[in-house]
C-alpha atoms as a PDB file:
ATOM      1  CA  MET A   1       0.000   0.000   0.000  1.00  0.00           C
ATOM      2  CA  THR A   2       1.352   3.447  -0.946  1.00  0.00           C
ATOM      3  CA  THR A   3       0.465   7.065  -0.325  1.00  0.00           C
ATOM      4  CA  THR A   4       0.140   9.332  -3.355  1.00  0.00           C
ATOM      5  CA  ALA A   5       1.267  12.932  -3.738  1.00  0.00           C
ATOM      6  CA  SER A   6      -2.316  13.953  -3.080  1.00  0.00           C
ATOM      7  CA  GLY A   7      -2.172  12.269   0.321  1.00  0.00           C
ATOM      8  CA  LEU A   8      -4.627   9.510  -0.588  1.00  0.00           C
ATOM      9  CA  THR A   9      -3.965   5.965   0.488  1.00  0.00           C
ATOM     10  CA  HIS A  10      -3.653   3.866  -2.648  1.00  0.00           C
ATOM     11  CA  GLY A  11      -3.270   0.116  -2.623  1.00  0.00           C
ATOM     12  CA  PRO A  12      -5.012  -3.190  -2.030  1.00  0.00           C
ATOM     13  CA  SER A  13      -7.784  -3.131   0.536  1.00  0.00           C
ATOM     14  CA  PRO A  14      -7.172  -5.267   3.637  1.00  0.00           C
ATOM     15  CA  ASP A  15     -10.481  -6.974   2.842  1.00  0.00           C
ATOM     16  CA  ILE A  16     -10.907  -7.740  -0.837  1.00  0.00           C
ATOM     17  CA  ALA A  17     -14.606  -8.454  -0.326  1.00  0.00           C
ATOM     18  CA  ALA A  18     -16.337  -5.209  -1.125  1.00  0.00           C
ATOM     19  CA  THR A  19     -19.327  -4.616   1.139  1.00  0.00           C
ATOM     20  CA  GLY A  20     -20.627  -1.884  -1.126  1.00  0.00           C
ATOM     21  CA  ALA A  21     -18.951   0.916  -3.040  1.00  0.00           C
ATOM     22  CA  ALA A  22     -19.519   3.746  -0.545  1.00  0.00           C
ATOM     23  CA  HIS A  23     -16.073   3.373   1.022  1.00  0.00           C
ATOM     24  CA  LEU A  24     -14.500   3.328  -2.452  1.00  0.00           C
ATOM     25  CA  SER A  25     -16.253   6.603  -3.217  1.00  0.00           C
ATOM     26  CA  ARG A  26     -14.441   8.198  -0.324  1.00  0.00           C
ATOM     27  CA  ARG A  27     -11.070   6.784  -1.378  1.00  0.00           C
ATOM     28  CA  TYR A  28     -11.347   7.431  -5.122  1.00  0.00           C
ATOM     29  CA  PRO A  29     -13.083  10.639  -6.244  1.00  0.00           C
ATOM     30  CA  VAL A  30     -12.910   9.650  -9.923  1.00  0.00           C
ATOM     31  CA  TRP A  31     -14.526   6.499 -11.268  1.00  0.00           C
ATOM     32  CA  LEU A  32     -13.842   5.294 -14.811  1.00  0.00           C
ATOM     33  CA  CYS A  33     -16.662   2.817 -15.245  1.00  0.00           C
ATOM     34  CA  ASP A  34     -17.231   0.188 -17.901  1.00  0.00           C
ATOM     35  CA  VAL A  35     -20.725   0.206 -19.377  1.00  0.00           C
ATOM     36  CA  TRP A  36     -21.865  -3.087 -20.893  1.00  0.00           C
ATOM     37  CA  GLY A  37     -21.898  -5.753 -18.171  1.00  0.00           C
ATOM     38  CA  VAL A  38     -21.607  -3.263 -15.310  1.00  0.00           C
ATOM     39  CA  VAL A  39     -24.218  -0.566 -15.980  1.00  0.00           C
ATOM     40  CA  HIS A  40     -26.467  -2.566 -18.323  1.00  0.00           C
ATOM     41  CA  ASN A  41     -26.595  -5.913 -20.133  1.00  0.00           C
ATOM     42  CA  GLY A  42     -27.752  -4.683 -23.520  1.00  0.00           C
ATOM     43  CA  VAL A  43     -31.393  -5.218 -22.581  1.00  0.00           C
ATOM     44  CA  GLU A  44     -31.879  -3.174 -19.423  1.00  0.00           C
ATOM     45  CA  ALA A  45     -29.990  -1.001 -16.977  1.00  0.00           C
ATOM     46  CA  PHE A  46     -28.953  -2.388 -13.600  1.00  0.00           C
ATOM     47  CA  ALA A  47     -30.846  -0.258 -11.091  1.00  0.00           C
ATOM     48  CA  ALA A  48     -28.361  -0.741  -8.244  1.00  0.00           C
ATOM     49  CA  ALA A  49     -25.413   0.170 -10.484  1.00  0.00           C
ATOM     50  CA  VAL A  50     -26.875   3.404 -11.839  1.00  0.00           C
ATOM     51  CA  GLU A  51     -27.948   4.433  -8.338  1.00  0.00           C
ATOM     52  CA  CYS A  52     -24.426   3.718  -7.087  1.00  0.00           C
ATOM     53  CA  LEU A  53     -22.871   5.919  -9.761  1.00  0.00           C
ATOM     54  CA  ALA A  54     -25.392   8.677  -9.083  1.00  0.00           C
ATOM     55  CA  ARG A  55     -24.650   8.590  -5.350  1.00  0.00           C
ATOM     56  CA  HIS A  56     -20.923   8.838  -6.025  1.00  0.00           C
ATOM     57  CA  ARG A  57     -21.577  11.993  -8.060  1.00  0.00           C
ATOM     58  CA  ARG A  58     -23.855  13.416  -5.363  1.00  0.00           C
ATOM     59  CA  ALA A  59     -21.022  12.854  -2.888  1.00  0.00           C
ATOM     60  CA  GLY A  60     -18.793  15.091  -5.022  1.00  0.00           C
ATOM     61  CA  GLY A  61     -17.171  12.467  -7.205  1.00  0.00           C
ATOM     62  CA  ALA A  62     -16.873  12.296 -10.988  1.00  0.00           C
ATOM     63  CA  VAL A  63     -17.965   9.409 -13.204  1.00  0.00           C
ATOM     64  CA  VAL A  64     -16.723   8.852 -16.743  1.00  0.00           C
ATOM     65  CA  LEU A  65     -18.296   5.924 -18.551  1.00  0.00           C
ATOM     66  CA  VAL A  66     -15.666   4.170 -20.687  1.00  0.00           C
ATOM     67  CA  THR A  67     -16.953   1.778 -23.327  1.00  0.00           C
ATOM     68  CA  ASN A  68     -15.450  -0.266 -26.124  1.00  0.00           C
ATOM     69  CA  ALA A  69     -18.540   0.311 -28.251  1.00  0.00           C
ATOM     70  CA  PRO A  70     -17.341   1.013 -31.825  1.00  0.00           C
ATOM     71  CA  ARG A  71     -19.496   4.121 -32.258  1.00  0.00           C
ATOM     72  CA  PRO A  72     -18.941   7.789 -31.391  1.00  0.00           C
ATOM     73  CA  SER A  73     -20.105   8.615 -27.894  1.00  0.00           C
ATOM     74  CA  ALA A  74     -22.816  10.952 -29.212  1.00  0.00           C
ATOM     75  CA  ALA A  75     -24.421   7.983 -30.977  1.00  0.00           C
ATOM     76  CA  ILE A  76     -24.383   5.880 -27.791  1.00  0.00           C
ATOM     77  CA  LEU A  77     -26.223   8.370 -25.593  1.00  0.00           C
ATOM     78  CA  PRO A  78     -29.662   7.585 -27.115  1.00  0.00           C
ATOM     79  CA  GLN A  79     -29.068   3.872 -26.475  1.00  0.00           C
ATOM     80  CA  LEU A  80     -28.305   4.594 -22.821  1.00  0.00           C
ATOM     81  CA  ALA A  81     -31.512   6.601 -22.596  1.00  0.00           C
ATOM     82  CA  ARG A  82     -33.533   3.711 -24.092  1.00  0.00           C
ATOM     83  CA  LEU A  83     -32.032   1.356 -21.524  1.00  0.00           C
ATOM     84  CA  ARG A  84     -32.935   3.840 -18.771  1.00  0.00           C
ATOM     85  CA  VAL A  85     -29.386   4.744 -17.813  1.00  0.00           C
ATOM     86  CA  PRO A  86     -30.038   8.241 -16.416  1.00  0.00           C
ATOM     87  CA  PRO A  87     -27.732  11.200 -17.153  1.00  0.00           C
ATOM     88  CA  ALA A  88     -27.557  11.761 -13.395  1.00  0.00           C
ATOM     89  CA  CYS A  89     -25.261   8.752 -13.034  1.00  0.00           C
ATOM     90  CA  TYR A  90     -22.393  10.003 -15.206  1.00  0.00           C
ATOM     91  CA  ASP A  91     -20.535  13.177 -16.164  1.00  0.00           C
ATOM     92  CA  HIS A  92     -19.087  12.039 -19.494  1.00  0.00           C
ATOM     93  CA  LEU A  93     -18.962   9.087 -21.862  1.00  0.00           C
ATOM     94  CA  VAL A  94     -15.887   8.049 -23.850  1.00  0.00           C
ATOM     95  CA  SER A  95     -16.114   5.321 -26.481  1.00  0.00           C
ATOM     96  CA  SER A  96     -13.729   3.205 -28.492  1.00  0.00           C
ATOM     97  CA  GLY A  97     -15.445   4.787 -31.474  1.00  0.00           C
ATOM     98  CA  ASP A  98     -14.153   8.207 -30.407  1.00  0.00           C
ATOM     99  CA  VAL A  99     -10.586   6.875 -30.385  1.00  0.00           C
ATOM    100  CA  THR A 100     -11.138   4.994 -33.651  1.00  0.00           C
ATOM    101  CA  ARG A 101     -12.153   8.178 -35.413  1.00  0.00           C
ATOM    102  CA  ALA A 102      -8.862   9.746 -34.391  1.00  0.00           C
ATOM    103  CA  LEU A 103      -6.959   6.753 -35.791  1.00  0.00           C
ATOM    104  CA  VAL A 104      -8.935   6.753 -39.044  1.00  0.00           C
ATOM    105  CA  GLU A 105      -8.337  10.489 -39.428  1.00  0.00           C
ATOM    106  CA  GLY A 106      -4.709   9.475 -39.888  1.00  0.00           C
ATOM    107  CA  LEU A 107      -5.693   7.586 -43.052  1.00  0.00           C
ATOM    108  CA  LYS A 108      -6.799  10.772 -44.849  1.00  0.00           C
ATOM    109  CA  GLY A 109      -6.001  10.513 -48.534  1.00  0.00           C
ATOM    110  CA  SER A 110      -5.857   6.721 -48.365  1.00  0.00           C
ATOM    111  CA  ARG A 111      -8.305   4.021 -49.406  1.00  0.00           C
ATOM    112  CA  ALA A 112      -9.911   1.954 -46.669  1.00  0.00           C
ATOM    113  CA  HIS A 113     -12.468  -0.807 -46.307  1.00  0.00           C
ATOM    114  CA  HIS A 114     -15.057  -0.997 -43.523  1.00  0.00           C
ATOM    115  CA  LEU A 115     -15.574  -4.473 -42.083  1.00  0.00           C
ATOM    116  CA  GLY A 116     -18.639  -4.455 -39.869  1.00  0.00           C
ATOM    117  CA  PRO A 117     -22.396  -3.891 -39.660  1.00  0.00           C
ATOM    118  CA  LYS A 118     -24.146  -0.985 -41.338  1.00  0.00           C
ATOM    119  CA  ARG A 119     -25.245   0.336 -37.937  1.00  0.00           C
ATOM    120  CA  ASP A 120     -21.611   1.379 -37.351  1.00  0.00           C
ATOM    121  CA  LEU A 121     -21.321   3.547 -40.478  1.00  0.00           C
ATOM    122  CA  GLY A 122     -21.847   6.660 -38.381  1.00  0.00           C
ATOM    123  CA  LEU A 123     -18.425   5.925 -36.901  1.00  0.00           C
ATOM    124  CA  LEU A 124     -16.855   6.863 -40.237  1.00  0.00           C
ATOM    125  CA  ALA A 125     -19.064   9.763 -41.283  1.00  0.00           C
ATOM    126  CA  GLY A 126     -17.279  12.918 -42.401  1.00  0.00           C
ATOM    127  CA  ILE A 127     -13.782  11.410 -42.537  1.00  0.00           C
ATOM    128  CA  ALA A 128     -11.948  12.186 -45.785  1.00  0.00           C
ATOM    129  CA  VAL A 129     -11.060   8.601 -46.682  1.00  0.00           C
ATOM    130  CA  ASP A 130     -11.953   6.817 -49.917  1.00  0.00           C
ATOM    131  CA  TRP A 131     -14.089   3.857 -48.817  1.00  0.00           C
ATOM    132  CA  VAL A 132     -13.535   0.962 -51.226  1.00  0.00           C
ATOM    133  CA  GLY A 133     -13.806  -2.812 -51.505  1.00  0.00           C
ATOM    134  CA  ILE A 134     -11.275  -4.962 -49.737  1.00  0.00           C
ATOM    135  CA  ASP A 135      -9.388  -5.742 -52.958  1.00  0.00           C
ATOM    136  CA  ALA A 136      -8.579  -2.042 -53.484  1.00  0.00           C
ATOM    137  CA  ALA A 137      -8.038  -1.000 -49.858  1.00  0.00           C
ATOM    138  CA  ASP A 138      -4.844   0.158 -48.166  1.00  0.00           C
ATOM    139  CA  ALA A 139      -6.254  -0.584 -44.690  1.00  0.00           C
ATOM    140  CA  VAL A 140      -9.307  -2.109 -43.013  1.00  0.00           C
ATOM    141  CA  VAL A 141     -11.396  -0.561 -40.248  1.00  0.00           C
ATOM    142  CA  CYS A 142     -13.101  -3.375 -38.345  1.00  0.00           C
ATOM    143  CA  SER A 143     -16.046  -2.527 -36.108  1.00  0.00           C
ATOM    144  CA  GLY A 144     -17.441  -6.054 -35.735  1.00  0.00           C
ATOM    145  CA  LEU A 145     -19.210  -8.890 -37.494  1.00  0.00           C
ATOM    146  CA  PHE A 146     -21.862  -8.144 -40.103  1.00  0.00           C
ATOM    147  CA  ASP A 147     -24.386 -10.122 -38.030  1.00  0.00           C
ATOM    148  CA  ASP A 148     -23.207 -10.961 -34.537  1.00  0.00           C
ATOM    149  CA  GLU A 149     -26.495 -12.725 -33.790  1.00  0.00           C
ATOM    150  CA  SER A 150     -25.911 -15.508 -36.333  1.00  0.00           C
ATOM    151  CA  GLU A 151     -22.239 -15.457 -37.374  1.00  0.00           C
ATOM    152  CA  SER A 152     -19.027 -16.584 -35.673  1.00  0.00           C
ATOM    153  CA  PRO A 153     -15.471 -15.260 -36.040  1.00  0.00           C
ATOM    154  CA  ALA A 154     -14.537 -18.437 -37.941  1.00  0.00           C
ATOM    155  CA  ASP A 155     -16.892 -17.335 -40.728  1.00  0.00           C
ATOM    156  CA  TYR A 156     -14.424 -14.546 -41.502  1.00  0.00           C
ATOM    157  CA  ASP A 157     -11.307 -16.654 -42.032  1.00  0.00           C
ATOM    158  CA  ALA A 158     -11.471 -16.299 -45.820  1.00  0.00           C
ATOM    159  CA  ILE A 159     -11.753 -12.498 -45.578  1.00  0.00           C
ATOM    160  CA  LEU A 160      -8.901 -12.358 -43.073  1.00  0.00           C
ATOM    161  CA  ALA A 161      -6.764 -14.507 -45.380  1.00  0.00           C
ATOM    162  CA  VAL A 162      -7.322 -12.024 -48.223  1.00  0.00           C
ATOM    163  CA  MET A 163      -6.334  -9.166 -45.916  1.00  0.00           C
ATOM    164  CA  ARG A 164      -3.197 -10.995 -44.801  1.00  0.00           C
ATOM    165  CA  GLY A 165      -2.275 -11.810 -48.381  1.00  0.00           C
ATOM    166  CA  ARG A 166      -2.363  -8.086 -49.173  1.00  0.00           C
ATOM    167  CA  ASN A 167      -0.606  -7.204 -45.884  1.00  0.00           C
ATOM    168  CA  LEU A 168      -3.391  -4.813 -44.883  1.00  0.00           C
ATOM    169  CA  GLU A 169      -3.340  -3.155 -41.488  1.00  0.00           C
ATOM    170  CA  MET A 170      -6.503  -3.525 -39.415  1.00  0.00           C
ATOM    171  CA  ILE A 171      -7.768  -0.740 -37.176  1.00  0.00           C
ATOM    172  CA  CYS A 172      -9.923  -2.535 -34.611  1.00  0.00           C
ATOM    173  CA  ALA A 173     -12.695  -0.289 -33.337  1.00  0.00           C
ATOM    174  CA  ASN A 174     -13.625  -2.571 -30.426  1.00  0.00           C
ATOM    175  CA  PRO A 175     -10.989  -4.702 -28.627  1.00  0.00           C
ATOM    176  CA  ASP A 176     -13.744  -6.701 -26.865  1.00  0.00           C
ATOM    177  CA  LYS A 177     -13.892 -10.303 -28.038  1.00  0.00           C
ATOM    178  CA  VAL A 178     -17.417 -10.900 -26.767  1.00  0.00           C
ATOM    179  CA  VAL A 179     -20.198  -8.854 -25.225  1.00  0.00           C
ATOM    180  CA  GLN A 180     -23.059  -9.973 -23.028  1.00  0.00           C
ATOM    181  CA  LYS A 181     -26.543  -9.311 -24.373  1.00  0.00           C
ATOM    182  CA  GLY A 182     -29.135 -10.523 -21.926  1.00  0.00           C
ATOM    183  CA  SER A 183     -28.093 -14.103 -21.211  1.00  0.00           C
ATOM    184  CA  ARG A 184     -26.078 -14.529 -24.445  1.00  0.00           C
ATOM    185  CA  LEU A 185     -22.466 -13.786 -25.369  1.00  0.00           C
ATOM    186  CA  LEU A 186     -22.053 -12.239 -28.836  1.00  0.00           C
ATOM    187  CA  PRO A 187     -18.731 -11.965 -30.724  1.00  0.00           C
ATOM    188  CA  CYS A 188     -17.113  -8.554 -31.242  1.00  0.00           C
ATOM    189  CA  ALA A 189     -14.421  -6.995 -33.412  1.00  0.00           C
ATOM    190  CA  GLY A 190     -11.699  -8.027 -30.975  1.00  0.00           C
ATOM    191  CA  ALA A 191     -12.320 -11.670 -31.843  1.00  0.00           C
ATOM    192  CA  LEU A 192     -11.635 -10.907 -35.510  1.00  0.00           C
ATOM    193  CA  ALA A 193      -8.537  -8.920 -34.587  1.00  0.00           C
ATOM    194  CA  GLU A 194      -7.263 -11.852 -32.545  1.00  0.00           C
ATOM    195  CA  ARG A 195      -7.685 -14.233 -35.495  1.00  0.00           C
ATOM    196  CA  TYR A 196      -5.981 -11.748 -37.812  1.00  0.00           C
ATOM    197  CA  GLN A 197      -3.030 -11.369 -35.467  1.00  0.00           C
ATOM    198  CA  ALA A 198      -2.729 -15.154 -35.343  1.00  0.00           C
ATOM    199  CA  LEU A 199      -2.225 -15.030 -39.123  1.00  0.00           C
ATOM    200  CA  GLY A 200       0.553 -12.484 -38.661  1.00  0.00           C
ATOM    201  CA  GLY A 201      -1.635  -9.498 -39.545  1.00  0.00           C
ATOM    202  CA  ARG A 202      -0.945  -6.002 -38.239  1.00  0.00           C
ATOM    203  CA  VAL A 203      -3.574  -4.555 -35.890  1.00  0.00           C
ATOM    204  CA  ARG A 204      -3.989  -1.184 -34.225  1.00  0.00           C
ATOM    205  CA  MET A 205      -6.436  -1.218 -31.347  1.00  0.00           C
ATOM    206  CA  ALA A 206      -8.762   1.496 -30.084  1.00  0.00           C
ATOM    207  CA  GLY A 207     -10.380   1.326 -26.672  1.00  0.00           C
ATOM    208  CA  LYS A 208      -9.535  -0.592 -23.526  1.00  0.00           C
ATOM    209  CA  PRO A 209      -6.998  -1.739 -22.422  1.00  0.00           C
ATOM    210  CA  PHE A 210      -4.942   0.762 -24.416  1.00  0.00           C
ATOM    211  CA  ALA A 211      -3.780   4.142 -23.135  1.00  0.00           C
ATOM    212  CA  PRO A 212      -5.529   6.645 -25.474  1.00  0.00           C
ATOM    213  CA  ILE A 213      -9.053   5.988 -24.195  1.00  0.00           C
ATOM    214  CA  TYR A 214      -7.917   6.292 -20.568  1.00  0.00           C
ATOM    215  CA  ALA A 215      -6.077   9.533 -21.291  1.00  0.00           C
ATOM    216  CA  GLN A 216      -9.223  10.975 -22.848  1.00  0.00           C
ATOM    217  CA  ALA A 217     -11.360   9.820 -19.915  1.00  0.00           C
ATOM    218  CA  MET A 218      -8.982  11.262 -17.332  1.00  0.00           C
ATOM    219  CA  GLY A 219      -8.885  14.579 -19.182  1.00  0.00           C
ATOM    220  CA  LEU A 220     -12.669  14.788 -18.996  1.00  0.00           C
ATOM    221  CA  ALA A 221     -12.612  13.955 -15.281  1.00  0.00           C
ATOM    222  CA  GLU A 222     -10.085  16.728 -14.668  1.00  0.00           C
ATOM    223  CA  ARG A 223     -12.344  19.138 -16.530  1.00  0.00           C
ATOM    224  CA  THR A 224     -15.281  18.088 -14.339  1.00  0.00           C
ATOM    225  CA  LEU A 225     -13.403  18.526 -11.065  1.00  0.00           C
ATOM    226  CA  GLY A 226     -11.499  21.592 -12.255  1.00  0.00           C
ATOM    227  CA  ARG A 227      -8.067  20.345 -11.236  1.00  0.00           C
ATOM    228  CA  ARG A 228      -5.247  17.981 -12.123  1.00  0.00           C
ATOM    229  CA  LEU A 229      -5.584  14.410 -10.916  1.00  0.00           C
ATOM    230  CA  ASP A 230      -3.206  11.985  -9.319  1.00  0.00           C
ATOM    231  CA  ARG A 231      -3.697   8.447 -10.614  1.00  0.00           C
ATOM    232  CA  GLY A 232      -4.117   7.336  -7.027  1.00  0.00           C
ATOM    233  CA  GLU A 233      -7.450   9.196  -7.011  1.00  0.00           C
ATOM    234  CA  ILE A 234      -8.864   7.136  -9.885  1.00  0.00           C
ATOM    235  CA  LEU A 235     -10.757   3.845  -9.711  1.00  0.00           C
ATOM    236  CA  ALA A 236     -11.338   1.690 -12.771  1.00  0.00           C
ATOM    237  CA  ILE A 237     -14.538  -0.379 -12.576  1.00  0.00           C
ATOM    238  CA  GLY A 238     -15.196  -3.235 -14.964  1.00  0.00           C
ATOM    239  CA  ASP A 239     -16.050  -6.863 -15.599  1.00  0.00           C
ATOM    240  CA  GLY A 240     -13.579  -7.794 -18.350  1.00  0.00           C
ATOM    241  CA  LEU A 241     -10.229  -9.391 -17.573  1.00  0.00           C
ATOM    242  CA  ALA A 242      -8.629  -8.653 -20.959  1.00  0.00           C
ATOM    243  CA  THR A 243     -10.013  -5.110 -21.177  1.00  0.00           C
ATOM    244  CA  ASP A 244     -10.903  -3.602 -17.786  1.00  0.00           C
ATOM    245  CA  ALA A 245      -8.457  -5.481 -15.550  1.00  0.00           C
ATOM    246  CA  GLU A 246      -5.634  -5.325 -18.084  1.00  0.00           C
ATOM    247  CA  GLY A 247      -6.453  -1.672 -18.754  1.00  0.00           C
ATOM    248  CA  ALA A 248      -6.172  -0.872 -15.062  1.00  0.00           C
ATOM    249  CA  ARG A 249      -2.819  -2.644 -14.929  1.00  0.00           C
ATOM    250  CA  LYS A 250      -1.428  -0.990 -18.060  1.00  0.00           C
ATOM    251  CA  ASN A 251      -2.522   2.461 -16.916  1.00  0.00           C
ATOM    252  CA  ASN A 252      -1.552   2.152 -13.234  1.00  0.00           C
ATOM    253  CA  LEU A 253      -5.068   2.420 -11.867  1.00  0.00           C
ATOM    254  CA  ALA A 254      -6.800   0.734  -8.950  1.00  0.00           C
ATOM    255  CA  LEU A 255      -9.471  -1.784  -9.996  1.00  0.00           C
ATOM    256  CA  LEU A 256     -12.907  -2.748  -8.708  1.00  0.00           C
ATOM    257  CA  PHE A 257     -13.711  -5.990 -10.527  1.00  0.00           C
ATOM    258  CA  ILE A 258     -17.343  -6.907 -11.169  1.00  0.00           C
ATOM    259  CA  SER A 259     -17.492 -10.692 -11.238  1.00  0.00           C
ATOM    260  CA  GLY A 260     -21.108 -11.121 -12.325  1.00  0.00           C
ATOM    261  CA  GLY A 261     -20.639  -9.633 -15.803  1.00  0.00           C
ATOM    262  CA  ILE A 262     -18.960 -11.200 -18.803  1.00  0.00           C
ATOM    263  CA  HIS A 263     -17.151 -13.795 -16.647  1.00  0.00           C
ATOM    264  CA  GLY A 264     -20.210 -14.522 -14.540  1.00  0.00           C
ATOM    265  CA  GLY A 265     -20.551 -18.043 -15.921  1.00  0.00           C
ATOM    266  CA  ASP A 266     -17.094 -18.932 -14.604  1.00  0.00           C
ATOM    267  CA  MET A 267     -17.306 -17.023 -11.344  1.00  0.00           C
ATOM    268  CA  ALA A 268     -20.894 -17.690 -10.274  1.00  0.00           C
ATOM    269  CA  GLY A 269     -20.996 -18.770  -6.643  1.00  0.00           C
ATOM    270  CA  VAL A 270     -17.262 -18.127  -6.165  1.00  0.00           C
ATOM    271  CA  ASP A 271     -16.349 -16.199  -3.004  1.00  0.00           C
ATOM    272  CA  HIS A 272     -14.497 -12.883  -3.032  1.00  0.00           C
ATOM    273  CA  GLN A 273     -11.110 -14.314  -2.155  1.00  0.00           C
ATOM    274  CA  ALA A 274     -11.289 -16.915  -4.921  1.00  0.00           C
ATOM    275  CA  THR A 275     -12.449 -14.272  -7.384  1.00  0.00           C
ATOM    276  CA  ALA A 276      -9.552 -12.026  -6.392  1.00  0.00           C
ATOM    277  CA  ALA A 277      -7.096 -14.895  -6.828  1.00  0.00           C
ATOM    278  CA  ALA A 278      -8.487 -15.620 -10.295  1.00  0.00           C
ATOM    279  CA  VAL A 279      -8.224 -11.966 -11.359  1.00  0.00           C
ATOM    280  CA  ARG A 280      -4.654 -11.667 -10.087  1.00  0.00           C
ATOM    281  CA  ALA A 281      -3.670 -14.902 -11.781  1.00  0.00           C
ATOM    282  CA  ALA A 282      -5.149 -13.740 -15.085  1.00  0.00           C
ATOM    283  CA  VAL A 283      -3.677 -10.215 -14.864  1.00  0.00           C
ATOM    284  CA  PRO A 284      -0.502 -10.329 -12.744  1.00  0.00           C
ATOM    285  CA  GLY A 285       0.385  -6.990 -11.226  1.00  0.00           C
ATOM    286  CA  VAL A 286      -3.088  -5.486 -11.333  1.00  0.00           C
ATOM    287  CA  GLU A 287      -3.894  -3.328  -8.303  1.00  0.00           C
ATOM    288  CA  LEU A 288      -7.131  -5.030  -7.341  1.00  0.00           C
ATOM    289  CA  VAL A 289      -8.784  -3.237  -4.420  1.00  0.00           C
ATOM    290  CA  ALA A 290     -12.159  -4.991  -4.353  1.00  0.00           C
ATOM    291  CA  THR A 291     -14.470  -7.416  -6.111  1.00  0.00           C
ATOM    292  CA  MET A 292     -18.263  -7.320  -6.206  1.00  0.00           C
ATOM    293  CA  PRO A 293     -20.766  -9.573  -7.992  1.00  0.00           C
ATOM    294  CA  ALA A 294     -22.564  -6.426  -9.173  1.00  0.00           C
ATOM    295  CA  LEU A 295     -21.933  -2.734  -8.652  1.00  0.00           C
ATOM    296  CA  SER A 296     -23.922  -1.340  -5.725  1.00  0.00           C
ATOM    297  CA  TRP A 297     -23.561   1.386  -3.129  1.00  0.00           C
ATOM    298  CA  ALA A 298     -24.750  -0.611  -0.146  1.00  0.00           C
ATOM    299  CA  SER A 299     -23.528  -3.894   1.233  1.00  0.00           C
ATOM    300  CA  GLN A 300     -25.343  -7.103   0.415  1.00  0.00           C
ATOM    301  CA  ASP A 301     -26.999  -7.051   3.805  1.00  0.00           C
ATOM    302  CA  GLY A 302     -28.313  -3.549   3.143  1.00  0.00           C
ATOM    303  CA  ALA A 303     -25.776  -1.669   5.267  1.00  0.00           C
ATOM    304  CA  GLU A 304     -23.566   0.914   3.633  1.00  0.00           C
ATOM    305  CA  ALA A 305     -19.873   0.138   3.572  1.00  0.00           C
ATOM    306  CA  GLY A 306     -17.800   1.897   6.136  1.00  0.00           C
END
């Protein structure tokens, strides 16, 4: 356990079993919170989670939602509203799509191919790139599968082979390999990127766990609080080992791991200590301060954490 320049105690909690997030609100004024799997499941918002985030803000904290969704943040806000995620529970939203746009801007004057569903075309709107077929492209922007409800990443092996044969770079708009929708797990762009890398293909990633999306989120939090932040004041909250936990490790942030999200099938019924051991084994060096089955302000017995 260490003490930061700001005077905050920063390090693993003596008791890894979180009894509610209230005590974490006092320790970490800034929360960078994952969205899908923590705040909602693609079908509905989690009432306890959105209330927890709102209470952190009412206590003077800042919340930046950080999502690997491959769409600009402005396009995601209506979806949050439909799922009844209230604006009162967050200050800002940063998406992998926001970072992707910055990467694609670097392709200006080039020819590129979009690999993904039509619903993601807004991601590319207004960028001065010549959008062409894969046989004429200089690079590929991958935002996902054409139909993640019925296809699998293996269905794309022929396309990936063509890309590798032409030595095309892939910009991956969503590093997530799967996402939870209701009770199902659907494949994402990260699964295609993984298969392409296995072929020797070059990939540039947007989103978690990579630094640009965290830098953007922390800048927004500083704007909200009106001051510079020490990393010891920031808590990353998420349910993904490869994205949220690894992102916390790579960016030197404390982590609250939500075990009931994307890894819920593996961690269901597992106690806090076993969950913590599994997270630390999967992501060595991560500064794990607590685990919770689901994000909530109060303890499971109804008492607020002290």
